[in-house]
Amino acid sequence: MSSTNRRDERGFTLIELLIVMSIIIIIATFAIPNITKIMRQSHETSAINSLQTIVKAQLQYSSTYPQNGFACSMSALGSGGKGATPGPQAAGLIPDDLASGHKAGYVFNITNCTKVTINNQDQITSYEVTAVPEAVGKTGDRGFCSDDAQQIKSDPKGGTNCVNPIQ
């Protein structure tokens, strides 16, 4: 074989490979922050939709079980497992992943339940549902809250001090 044939078959040089790798690293440096921002925004959108689902489920729960009023736990709105008969302890009104209290990087909880006793039956007359990021700045930036008034508000610091209405 002649020396010209060997030169054509030798492949990429180390310099060429380093240049290609540098270009890929530069592109990744710009793309990764945008991807994480998009993920946080999608988690926040999911949290708002989940809050709307919980509020609707609370209305249906209070209509189905008027003697109980509203549910004061996520599990009471969930199904209680496959084949379980719906009831006040597991009404089957929200998906099980949401009933677990964790979904799309957010933690959901029903708090501040107001209980009254009517005819020896405890009845929940008001509640607040909260959604906070599992890791503020990574899974979401804002916390969200809603109550029996059905208005969703946000906390820009990622907590439960919700004062800003969601438009």
N, C-alpha and C. Protein backbone atom coordinates (compact mmCIF):
# COMPACT_ATOMS: atom_id res chain seq x y z
N MET A 1 0.84 -1.18 0.00
CA MET A 1 0.00 0.00 0.00
C MET A 1 0.88 1.24 0.00
N SER A 2 0.45 2.23 -0.69
CA SER A 2 1.22 3.46 -0.73
C SER A 2 0.86 4.33 0.47
N SER A 3 1.69 5.33 0.74
CA SER A 3 1.47 6.20 1.89
C SER A 3 0.24 7.08 1.72
N THR A 4 -0.19 7.37 0.49
CA THR A 4 -1.38 8.20 0.28
C THR A 4 -2.64 7.43 0.66
N ASN A 5 -2.68 6.13 0.41
CA ASN A 5 -3.85 5.34 0.79
C ASN A 5 -3.99 5.26 2.31
N ARG A 6 -2.89 5.13 3.04
CA ARG A 6 -2.94 5.08 4.50
C ARG A 6 -3.45 6.39 5.08
N ARG A 7 -3.06 7.48 4.52
CA ARG A 7 -3.47 8.78 5.02
C ARG A 7 -4.99 8.96 4.86
N ASP A 8 -5.60 8.44 3.80
CA ASP A 8 -7.04 8.56 3.58
C ASP A 8 -7.84 7.70 4.56
N GLU A 9 -7.28 6.64 5.09
CA GLU A 9 -8.01 5.70 5.95
C GLU A 9 -7.79 5.95 7.44
N ARG A 10 -7.03 6.91 7.82
CA ARG A 10 -6.64 7.04 9.22
C ARG A 10 -7.75 7.54 10.13
N GLY A 11 -8.83 8.17 9.68
CA GLY A 11 -9.94 8.62 10.51
C GLY A 11 -9.75 10.04 11.00
N PHE A 12 -10.41 10.36 12.13
CA PHE A 12 -10.36 11.71 12.69
C PHE A 12 -9.10 11.90 13.52
N THR A 13 -8.63 13.11 13.52
CA THR A 13 -7.48 13.42 14.37
C THR A 13 -8.00 13.80 15.76
N LEU A 14 -7.12 13.81 16.71
CA LEU A 14 -7.47 14.18 18.08
C LEU A 14 -8.00 15.61 18.13
N ILE A 15 -7.41 16.50 17.39
CA ILE A 15 -7.85 17.89 17.34
C ILE A 15 -9.28 18.00 16.82
N GLU A 16 -9.59 17.26 15.78
CA GLU A 16 -10.94 17.30 15.21
C GLU A 16 -11.97 16.79 16.23
N LEU A 17 -11.64 15.72 16.93
CA LEU A 17 -12.55 15.19 17.95
C LEU A 17 -12.74 16.19 19.10
N LEU A 18 -11.67 16.85 19.51
CA LEU A 18 -11.77 17.84 20.58
C LEU A 18 -12.63 19.03 20.17
N ILE A 19 -12.52 19.45 18.93
CA ILE A 19 -13.34 20.55 18.43
C ILE A 19 -14.81 20.17 18.44
N VAL A 20 -15.14 18.97 17.98
CA VAL A 20 -16.53 18.51 17.96
C VAL A 20 -17.07 18.42 19.39
N MET A 21 -16.28 17.87 20.31
CA MET A 21 -16.72 17.75 21.71
C MET A 21 -16.91 19.14 22.32
N SER A 22 -16.07 20.08 22.01
CA SER A 22 -16.21 21.45 22.53
C SER A 22 -17.50 22.09 22.05
N ILE A 23 -17.82 21.88 20.79
CA ILE A 23 -19.06 22.43 20.24
C ILE A 23 -20.27 21.83 20.95
N ILE A 24 -20.25 20.52 21.19
CA ILE A 24 -21.35 19.85 21.88
C ILE A 24 -21.50 20.38 23.30
N ILE A 25 -20.40 20.59 23.99
CA ILE A 25 -20.44 21.13 25.36
C ILE A 25 -21.01 22.53 25.37
N ILE A 26 -20.62 23.36 24.42
CA ILE A 26 -21.14 24.72 24.34
C ILE A 26 -22.64 24.71 24.11
N ILE A 27 -23.11 23.88 23.22
CA ILE A 27 -24.55 23.78 22.95
C ILE A 27 -25.29 23.30 24.19
N ALA A 28 -24.75 22.29 24.87
CA ALA A 28 -25.39 21.76 26.08
C ALA A 28 -25.45 22.80 27.19
N THR A 29 -24.43 23.64 27.28
CA THR A 29 -24.40 24.69 28.29
C THR A 29 -25.57 25.66 28.14
N PHE A 30 -25.96 25.93 26.92
CA PHE A 30 -27.09 26.82 26.69
C PHE A 30 -28.42 26.09 26.79
N ALA A 31 -28.46 24.82 26.45
CA ALA A 31 -29.72 24.07 26.40
C ALA A 31 -30.20 23.61 27.77
N ILE A 32 -29.30 23.19 28.65
CA ILE A 32 -29.71 22.60 29.93
C ILE A 32 -30.50 23.57 30.80
N PRO A 33 -30.08 24.83 30.99
CA PRO A 33 -30.91 25.74 31.80
C PRO A 33 -32.31 25.93 31.23
N ASN A 34 -32.43 25.97 29.91
CA ASN A 34 -33.75 26.11 29.30
C ASN A 34 -34.60 24.88 29.54
N ILE A 35 -34.00 23.71 29.49
CA ILE A 35 -34.75 22.47 29.72
C ILE A 35 -35.26 22.43 31.15
N THR A 36 -34.43 22.79 32.14
CA THR A 36 -34.88 22.75 33.53
C THR A 36 -35.96 23.80 33.78
N LYS A 37 -35.86 24.95 33.13
CA LYS A 37 -36.90 25.97 33.27
C LYS A 37 -38.23 25.46 32.71
N ILE A 38 -38.17 24.80 31.57
CA ILE A 38 -39.38 24.24 30.96
C ILE A 38 -39.97 23.16 31.86
N MET A 39 -39.12 22.34 32.46
CA MET A 39 -39.60 21.28 33.37
C MET A 39 -40.28 21.90 34.59
N ARG A 40 -39.69 22.94 35.18
CA ARG A 40 -40.31 23.60 36.34
C ARG A 40 -41.67 24.18 35.95
N GLN A 41 -41.75 24.81 34.78
CA GLN A 41 -43.02 25.38 34.34
C GLN A 41 -44.06 24.30 34.11
N SER A 42 -43.65 23.16 33.55
CA SER A 42 -44.62 22.08 33.33
C SER A 42 -45.08 21.49 34.66
N HIS A 43 -44.19 21.40 35.64
CA HIS A 43 -44.59 20.92 36.97
C HIS A 43 -45.58 21.89 37.62
N GLU A 44 -45.33 23.20 37.47
CA GLU A 44 -46.25 24.19 38.03
C GLU A 44 -47.62 24.11 37.36
N THR A 45 -47.65 23.93 36.05
CA THR A 45 -48.92 23.79 35.35
C THR A 45 -49.66 22.54 35.83
N SER A 46 -48.93 21.46 36.01
CA SER A 46 -49.52 20.22 36.52
C SER A 46 -50.07 20.43 37.93
N ALA A 47 -49.35 21.17 38.77
CA ALA A 47 -49.80 21.43 40.14
C ALA A 47 -51.10 22.24 40.14
N ILE A 48 -51.18 23.24 39.28
CA ILE A 48 -52.41 24.04 39.19
C ILE A 48 -53.57 23.18 38.73
N ASN A 49 -53.35 22.34 37.72
CA ASN A 49 -54.41 21.44 37.24
C ASN A 49 -54.82 20.45 38.33
N SER A 50 -53.85 19.96 39.08
CA SER A 50 -54.15 19.03 40.16
C SER A 50 -54.96 19.70 41.26
N LEU A 51 -54.63 20.96 41.58
CA LEU A 51 -55.44 21.69 42.57
C LEU A 51 -56.88 21.84 42.09
N GLN A 52 -57.06 22.14 40.82
CA GLN A 52 -58.41 22.25 40.28
C GLN A 52 -59.15 20.92 40.40
N THR A 53 -58.44 19.82 40.15
CA THR A 53 -59.03 18.49 40.28
C THR A 53 -59.44 18.23 41.72
N ILE A 54 -58.59 18.59 42.67
CA ILE A 54 -58.89 18.36 44.09
C ILE A 54 -60.09 19.19 44.53
N VAL A 55 -60.15 20.45 44.09
CA VAL A 55 -61.28 21.32 44.46
C VAL A 55 -62.59 20.76 43.91
N LYS A 56 -62.57 20.30 42.67
CA LYS A 56 -63.77 19.69 42.08
C LYS A 56 -64.15 18.42 42.83
N ALA A 57 -63.14 17.63 43.20
CA ALA A 57 -63.41 16.41 43.96
C ALA A 57 -64.00 16.74 45.33
N GLN A 58 -63.54 17.82 45.95
CA GLN A 58 -64.10 18.23 47.25
C GLN A 58 -65.58 18.59 47.11
N LEU A 59 -65.93 19.29 46.05
CA LEU A 59 -67.34 19.62 45.82
C LEU A 59 -68.18 18.37 45.63
N GLN A 60 -67.66 17.43 44.87
CA GLN A 60 -68.38 16.17 44.65
C GLN A 60 -68.46 15.36 45.95
N TYR A 61 -67.38 15.36 46.72
CA TYR A 61 -67.36 14.64 48.01
C TYR A 61 -68.43 15.21 48.95
N SER A 62 -68.49 16.54 49.07
CA SER A 62 -69.47 17.15 49.98
C SER A 62 -70.90 16.92 49.50
N SER A 63 -71.06 16.78 48.20
CA SER A 63 -72.39 16.48 47.65
C SER A 63 -72.77 15.02 47.89
N THR A 64 -71.79 14.12 47.75
CA THR A 64 -72.04 12.69 47.91
C THR A 64 -72.17 12.31 49.38
N TYR A 65 -71.37 12.93 50.24
CA TYR A 65 -71.37 12.63 51.68
C TYR A 65 -71.65 13.90 52.47
N PRO A 66 -72.86 14.46 52.35
CA PRO A 66 -73.16 15.74 53.01
C PRO A 66 -73.01 15.69 54.53
N GLN A 67 -73.20 14.52 55.12
CA GLN A 67 -73.05 14.40 56.57
C GLN A 67 -71.59 14.60 57.00
N ASN A 68 -70.62 14.39 56.09
CA ASN A 68 -69.20 14.56 56.39
C ASN A 68 -68.68 15.93 55.98
N GLY A 69 -69.40 16.62 55.10
CA GLY A 69 -68.91 17.89 54.58
C GLY A 69 -67.79 17.64 53.57
N PHE A 70 -66.65 18.31 53.76
CA PHE A 70 -65.50 18.12 52.88
C PHE A 70 -64.58 17.03 53.44
N ALA A 71 -63.71 16.52 52.58
CA ALA A 71 -62.69 15.58 53.02
C ALA A 71 -61.54 16.37 53.64
N CYS A 72 -60.90 15.79 54.65
CA CYS A 72 -59.77 16.48 55.29
C CYS A 72 -58.46 15.72 55.07
N SER A 73 -58.46 14.80 54.10
CA SER A 73 -57.22 14.10 53.74
C SER A 73 -57.27 13.74 52.26
N MET A 74 -56.08 13.66 51.68
CA MET A 74 -55.99 13.28 50.27
C MET A 74 -56.50 11.85 50.08
N SER A 75 -56.20 10.97 51.03
CA SER A 75 -56.60 9.57 50.89
C SER A 75 -58.12 9.42 50.87
N ALA A 76 -58.85 10.31 51.55
CA ALA A 76 -60.31 10.23 51.53
C ALA A 76 -60.87 10.52 50.15
N LEU A 77 -60.13 11.27 49.35
CA LEU A 77 -60.57 11.56 47.98
C LEU A 77 -60.11 10.49 47.00
N GLY A 78 -59.13 9.66 47.39
CA GLY A 78 -58.59 8.61 46.53
C GLY A 78 -59.46 7.38 46.52
N SER A 79 -58.97 6.34 45.84
CA SER A 79 -59.79 5.14 45.64
C SER A 79 -59.62 4.09 46.73
N GLY A 80 -58.54 4.14 47.47
CA GLY A 80 -58.32 3.12 48.49
C GLY A 80 -57.81 1.81 47.93
N GLY A 81 -57.43 1.77 46.66
CA GLY A 81 -56.90 0.56 46.04
C GLY A 81 -57.88 -0.07 45.08
N LYS A 82 -57.35 -1.02 44.30
CA LYS A 82 -58.18 -1.69 43.30
C LYS A 82 -59.26 -2.52 43.98
N GLY A 83 -60.46 -2.43 43.45
CA GLY A 83 -61.57 -3.23 43.93
C GLY A 83 -62.22 -2.70 45.20
N ALA A 84 -61.73 -1.61 45.75
CA ALA A 84 -62.32 -1.05 46.97
C ALA A 84 -63.65 -0.37 46.64
N THR A 85 -64.60 -0.53 47.53
CA THR A 85 -65.89 0.11 47.36
C THR A 85 -65.78 1.57 47.80
N PRO A 86 -66.24 2.50 46.96
CA PRO A 86 -66.16 3.91 47.35
C PRO A 86 -66.96 4.19 48.61
N GLY A 87 -66.40 5.06 49.44
CA GLY A 87 -67.05 5.46 50.68
C GLY A 87 -66.39 6.71 51.21
N PRO A 88 -66.80 7.19 52.37
CA PRO A 88 -66.25 8.44 52.90
C PRO A 88 -64.75 8.39 53.19
N GLN A 89 -64.20 7.21 53.44
CA GLN A 89 -62.77 7.10 53.73
C GLN A 89 -61.93 6.98 52.47
N ALA A 90 -62.54 6.56 51.37
CA ALA A 90 -61.86 6.43 50.07
C ALA A 90 -62.92 6.55 48.97
N ALA A 91 -63.19 7.78 48.58
CA ALA A 91 -64.32 8.06 47.69
C ALA A 91 -64.04 7.77 46.22
N GLY A 92 -62.79 7.62 45.84
CA GLY A 92 -62.46 7.32 44.45
C GLY A 92 -62.68 8.49 43.51
N LEU A 93 -62.45 9.72 43.99
CA LEU A 93 -62.73 10.91 43.19
C LEU A 93 -61.50 11.49 42.50
N ILE A 94 -60.30 11.10 42.94
CA ILE A 94 -59.07 11.59 42.30
C ILE A 94 -58.17 10.40 42.01
N PRO A 95 -57.24 10.54 41.06
CA PRO A 95 -56.33 9.43 40.75
C PRO A 95 -55.45 9.08 41.96
N ASP A 96 -55.03 7.83 42.02
CA ASP A 96 -54.24 7.35 43.16
C ASP A 96 -52.90 8.07 43.31
N ASP A 97 -52.27 8.45 42.18
CA ASP A 97 -50.99 9.16 42.31
C ASP A 97 -51.18 10.51 43.00
N LEU A 98 -52.28 11.17 42.73
CA LEU A 98 -52.57 12.44 43.39
C LEU A 98 -53.01 12.21 44.83
N ALA A 99 -53.76 11.15 45.07
CA ALA A 99 -54.20 10.83 46.44
C ALA A 99 -53.01 10.51 47.35
N SER A 100 -51.91 10.06 46.77
CA SER A 100 -50.72 9.77 47.57
C SER A 100 -50.08 11.05 48.10
N GLY A 101 -50.42 12.19 47.50
CA GLY A 101 -49.89 13.47 47.93
C GLY A 101 -48.66 13.92 47.16
N HIS A 102 -48.18 13.12 46.21
CA HIS A 102 -47.00 13.47 45.42
C HIS A 102 -47.32 13.30 43.95
N LYS A 103 -47.09 14.36 43.19
CA LYS A 103 -47.30 14.28 41.75
C LYS A 103 -46.49 15.36 41.06
N ALA A 104 -45.75 14.99 40.03
CA ALA A 104 -45.02 15.91 39.15
C ALA A 104 -44.17 16.91 39.93
N GLY A 105 -43.41 16.43 40.90
CA GLY A 105 -42.50 17.29 41.63
C GLY A 105 -43.13 18.16 42.70
N TYR A 106 -44.39 17.94 43.00
CA TYR A 106 -45.10 18.72 44.02
C TYR A 106 -45.66 17.80 45.10
N VAL A 107 -45.79 18.37 46.31
CA VAL A 107 -46.40 17.67 47.44
C VAL A 107 -47.73 18.35 47.74
N PHE A 108 -48.80 17.57 47.77
CA PHE A 108 -50.15 18.08 48.00
C PHE A 108 -50.62 17.69 49.39
N ASN A 109 -51.38 18.59 50.02
CA ASN A 109 -51.87 18.32 51.35
C ASN A 109 -53.17 19.10 51.58
N ILE A 110 -54.07 18.53 52.36
CA ILE A 110 -55.29 19.23 52.77
C ILE A 110 -55.08 19.62 54.23
N THR A 111 -55.18 20.92 54.51
CA THR A 111 -54.91 21.43 55.86
C THR A 111 -56.02 22.39 56.29
N ASN A 112 -55.86 22.92 57.48
CA ASN A 112 -56.76 23.94 58.03
C ASN A 112 -58.23 23.56 57.92
N CYS A 113 -58.54 22.32 58.23
CA CYS A 113 -59.93 21.86 58.18
C CYS A 113 -60.68 22.40 59.40
N THR A 114 -61.85 22.96 59.14
CA THR A 114 -62.71 23.44 60.21
C THR A 114 -63.79 22.40 60.43
N LYS A 115 -63.89 21.91 61.66
CA LYS A 115 -64.82 20.83 61.97
C LYS A 115 -65.89 21.34 62.93
N VAL A 116 -67.13 21.00 62.63
CA VAL A 116 -68.24 21.26 63.54
C VAL A 116 -68.96 19.94 63.79
N THR A 117 -69.65 19.84 64.89
CA THR A 117 -70.40 18.62 65.20
C THR A 117 -71.89 18.93 65.09
N ILE A 118 -72.55 18.19 64.21
CA ILE A 118 -73.98 18.36 63.99
C ILE A 118 -74.63 17.00 64.20
N ASN A 119 -75.58 16.92 65.14
CA ASN A 119 -76.27 15.65 65.46
C ASN A 119 -75.27 14.54 65.72
N ASN A 120 -74.27 14.81 66.55
CA ASN A 120 -73.23 13.84 66.92
C ASN A 120 -72.40 13.35 65.74
N GLN A 121 -72.38 14.11 64.67
CA GLN A 121 -71.60 13.76 63.48
C GLN A 121 -70.62 14.90 63.19
N ASP A 122 -69.31 14.58 63.12
CA ASP A 122 -68.32 15.59 62.76
C ASP A 122 -68.45 15.93 61.28
N GLN A 123 -68.46 17.21 60.99
CA GLN A 123 -68.60 17.67 59.61
C GLN A 123 -67.53 18.73 59.34
N ILE A 124 -66.80 18.55 58.24
CA ILE A 124 -65.78 19.51 57.83
C ILE A 124 -66.46 20.58 56.98
N THR A 125 -66.36 21.84 57.44
CA THR A 125 -67.06 22.92 56.75
C THR A 125 -66.14 23.78 55.89
N SER A 126 -64.82 23.69 56.09
CA SER A 126 -63.88 24.41 55.24
C SER A 126 -62.54 23.70 55.27
N TYR A 127 -61.70 24.03 54.30
CA TYR A 127 -60.39 23.38 54.16
C TYR A 127 -59.48 24.27 53.35
N GLU A 128 -58.22 23.93 53.31
CA GLU A 128 -57.26 24.54 52.40
C GLU A 128 -56.42 23.41 51.81
N VAL A 129 -56.21 23.44 50.51
CA VAL A 129 -55.35 22.46 49.86
C VAL A 129 -54.10 23.20 49.39
N THR A 130 -52.94 22.60 49.66
CA THR A 130 -51.67 23.23 49.30
C THR A 130 -50.88 22.33 48.35
N ALA A 131 -50.07 22.96 47.53
CA ALA A 131 -49.14 22.27 46.63
C ALA A 131 -47.82 23.01 46.70
N VAL A 132 -46.79 22.34 47.23
CA VAL A 132 -45.48 22.96 47.32
C VAL A 132 -44.46 22.11 46.57
N PRO A 133 -43.47 22.74 45.95
CA PRO A 133 -42.45 21.98 45.22
C PRO A 133 -41.67 21.07 46.17
N GLU A 134 -41.32 19.88 45.70
CA GLU A 134 -40.47 18.99 46.48
C GLU A 134 -39.11 19.62 46.71
N ALA A 135 -38.60 20.34 45.72
CA ALA A 135 -37.33 21.06 45.83
C ALA A 135 -37.49 22.40 45.12
N VAL A 136 -37.65 23.47 45.89
CA VAL A 136 -37.86 24.80 45.32
C VAL A 136 -36.68 25.15 44.42
N GLY A 137 -37.00 25.60 43.21
CA GLY A 137 -35.97 25.94 42.23
C GLY A 137 -35.59 24.78 41.32
N LYS A 138 -35.96 23.57 41.70
CA LYS A 138 -35.66 22.40 40.86
C LYS A 138 -36.93 21.78 40.30
N THR A 139 -37.90 21.46 41.17
CA THR A 139 -39.14 20.86 40.67
C THR A 139 -40.24 21.89 40.47
N GLY A 140 -40.03 23.09 40.97
CA GLY A 140 -40.98 24.18 40.81
C GLY A 140 -40.48 25.39 41.55
N ASP A 141 -40.99 26.56 41.18
CA ASP A 141 -40.57 27.79 41.83
C ASP A 141 -41.62 28.32 42.81
N ARG A 142 -42.90 28.09 42.50
CA ARG A 142 -43.98 28.67 43.31
C ARG A 142 -44.77 27.59 44.04
N GLY A 143 -45.30 27.97 45.20
CA GLY A 143 -46.27 27.13 45.90
C GLY A 143 -47.66 27.60 45.53
N PHE A 144 -48.65 26.72 45.67
CA PHE A 144 -50.02 27.05 45.30
C PHE A 144 -50.98 26.61 46.41
N CYS A 145 -52.07 27.35 46.55
CA CYS A 145 -53.09 27.05 47.55
C CYS A 145 -54.47 27.31 46.97
N SER A 146 -55.44 26.60 47.49
CA SER A 146 -56.84 26.86 47.18
C SER A 146 -57.65 26.43 48.38
N ASP A 147 -58.90 26.88 48.43
CA ASP A 147 -59.77 26.50 49.55
C ASP A 147 -61.19 26.32 49.04
N ASP A 148 -62.13 26.27 49.98
CA ASP A 148 -63.51 26.03 49.57
C ASP A 148 -64.08 27.19 48.77
N ALA A 149 -63.39 28.33 48.70
CA ALA A 149 -63.80 29.45 47.82
C ALA A 149 -63.39 29.19 46.37
N GLN A 150 -62.57 28.18 46.13
CA GLN A 150 -62.18 27.68 44.81
C GLN A 150 -61.25 28.62 44.03
N GLN A 151 -60.64 29.59 44.67
CA GLN A 151 -59.69 30.46 43.98
C GLN A 151 -58.28 29.96 44.26
N ILE A 152 -57.49 29.80 43.21
CA ILE A 152 -56.11 29.33 43.36
C ILE A 152 -55.19 30.55 43.46
N LYS A 153 -54.34 30.53 44.50
CA LYS A 153 -53.37 31.60 44.70
C LYS A 153 -51.98 30.99 44.76
N SER A 154 -50.96 31.83 44.58
CA SER A 154 -49.60 31.32 44.57
C SER A 154 -48.73 32.02 45.60
N ASP A 155 -47.67 31.34 46.00
CA ASP A 155 -46.62 31.89 46.85
C ASP A 155 -45.35 31.89 46.00
N PRO A 156 -44.84 33.07 45.64
CA PRO A 156 -43.66 33.12 44.75
C PRO A 156 -42.41 32.51 45.37
N LYS A 157 -42.39 32.31 46.69
CA LYS A 157 -41.22 31.73 47.36
C LYS A 157 -41.30 30.21 47.47
N GLY A 158 -42.38 29.62 46.97
CA GLY A 158 -42.50 28.17 46.95
C GLY A 158 -43.15 27.56 48.18
N GLY A 159 -43.68 28.38 49.06
CA GLY A 159 -44.30 27.87 50.28
C GLY A 159 -45.81 27.89 50.22
N THR A 160 -46.43 28.08 51.40
CA THR A 160 -47.89 28.08 51.50
C THR A 160 -48.44 29.44 51.90
N ASN A 161 -47.64 30.49 51.80
CA ASN A 161 -48.10 31.84 52.06
C ASN A 161 -48.66 32.41 50.75
N CYS A 162 -49.77 31.86 50.33
CA CYS A 162 -50.34 32.17 49.02
C CYS A 162 -51.16 33.45 49.06
N VAL A 163 -50.70 34.46 48.35
CA VAL A 163 -51.41 35.74 48.32
C VAL A 163 -51.66 36.24 46.90
N ASN A 164 -50.96 35.70 45.92
CA ASN A 164 -51.08 36.18 44.53
C ASN A 164 -52.09 35.32 43.77
N PRO A 165 -53.22 35.90 43.34
CA PRO A 165 -54.19 35.12 42.56
C PRO A 165 -53.57 34.65 41.23
N ILE A 166 -53.93 33.46 40.82
CA ILE A 166 -53.52 32.92 39.51
C ILE A 166 -54.50 33.45 38.48
N GLN A 167 -53.97 34.02 37.44
CA GLN A 167 -54.83 34.60 36.40
C GLN A 167 -55.29 33.55 35.44
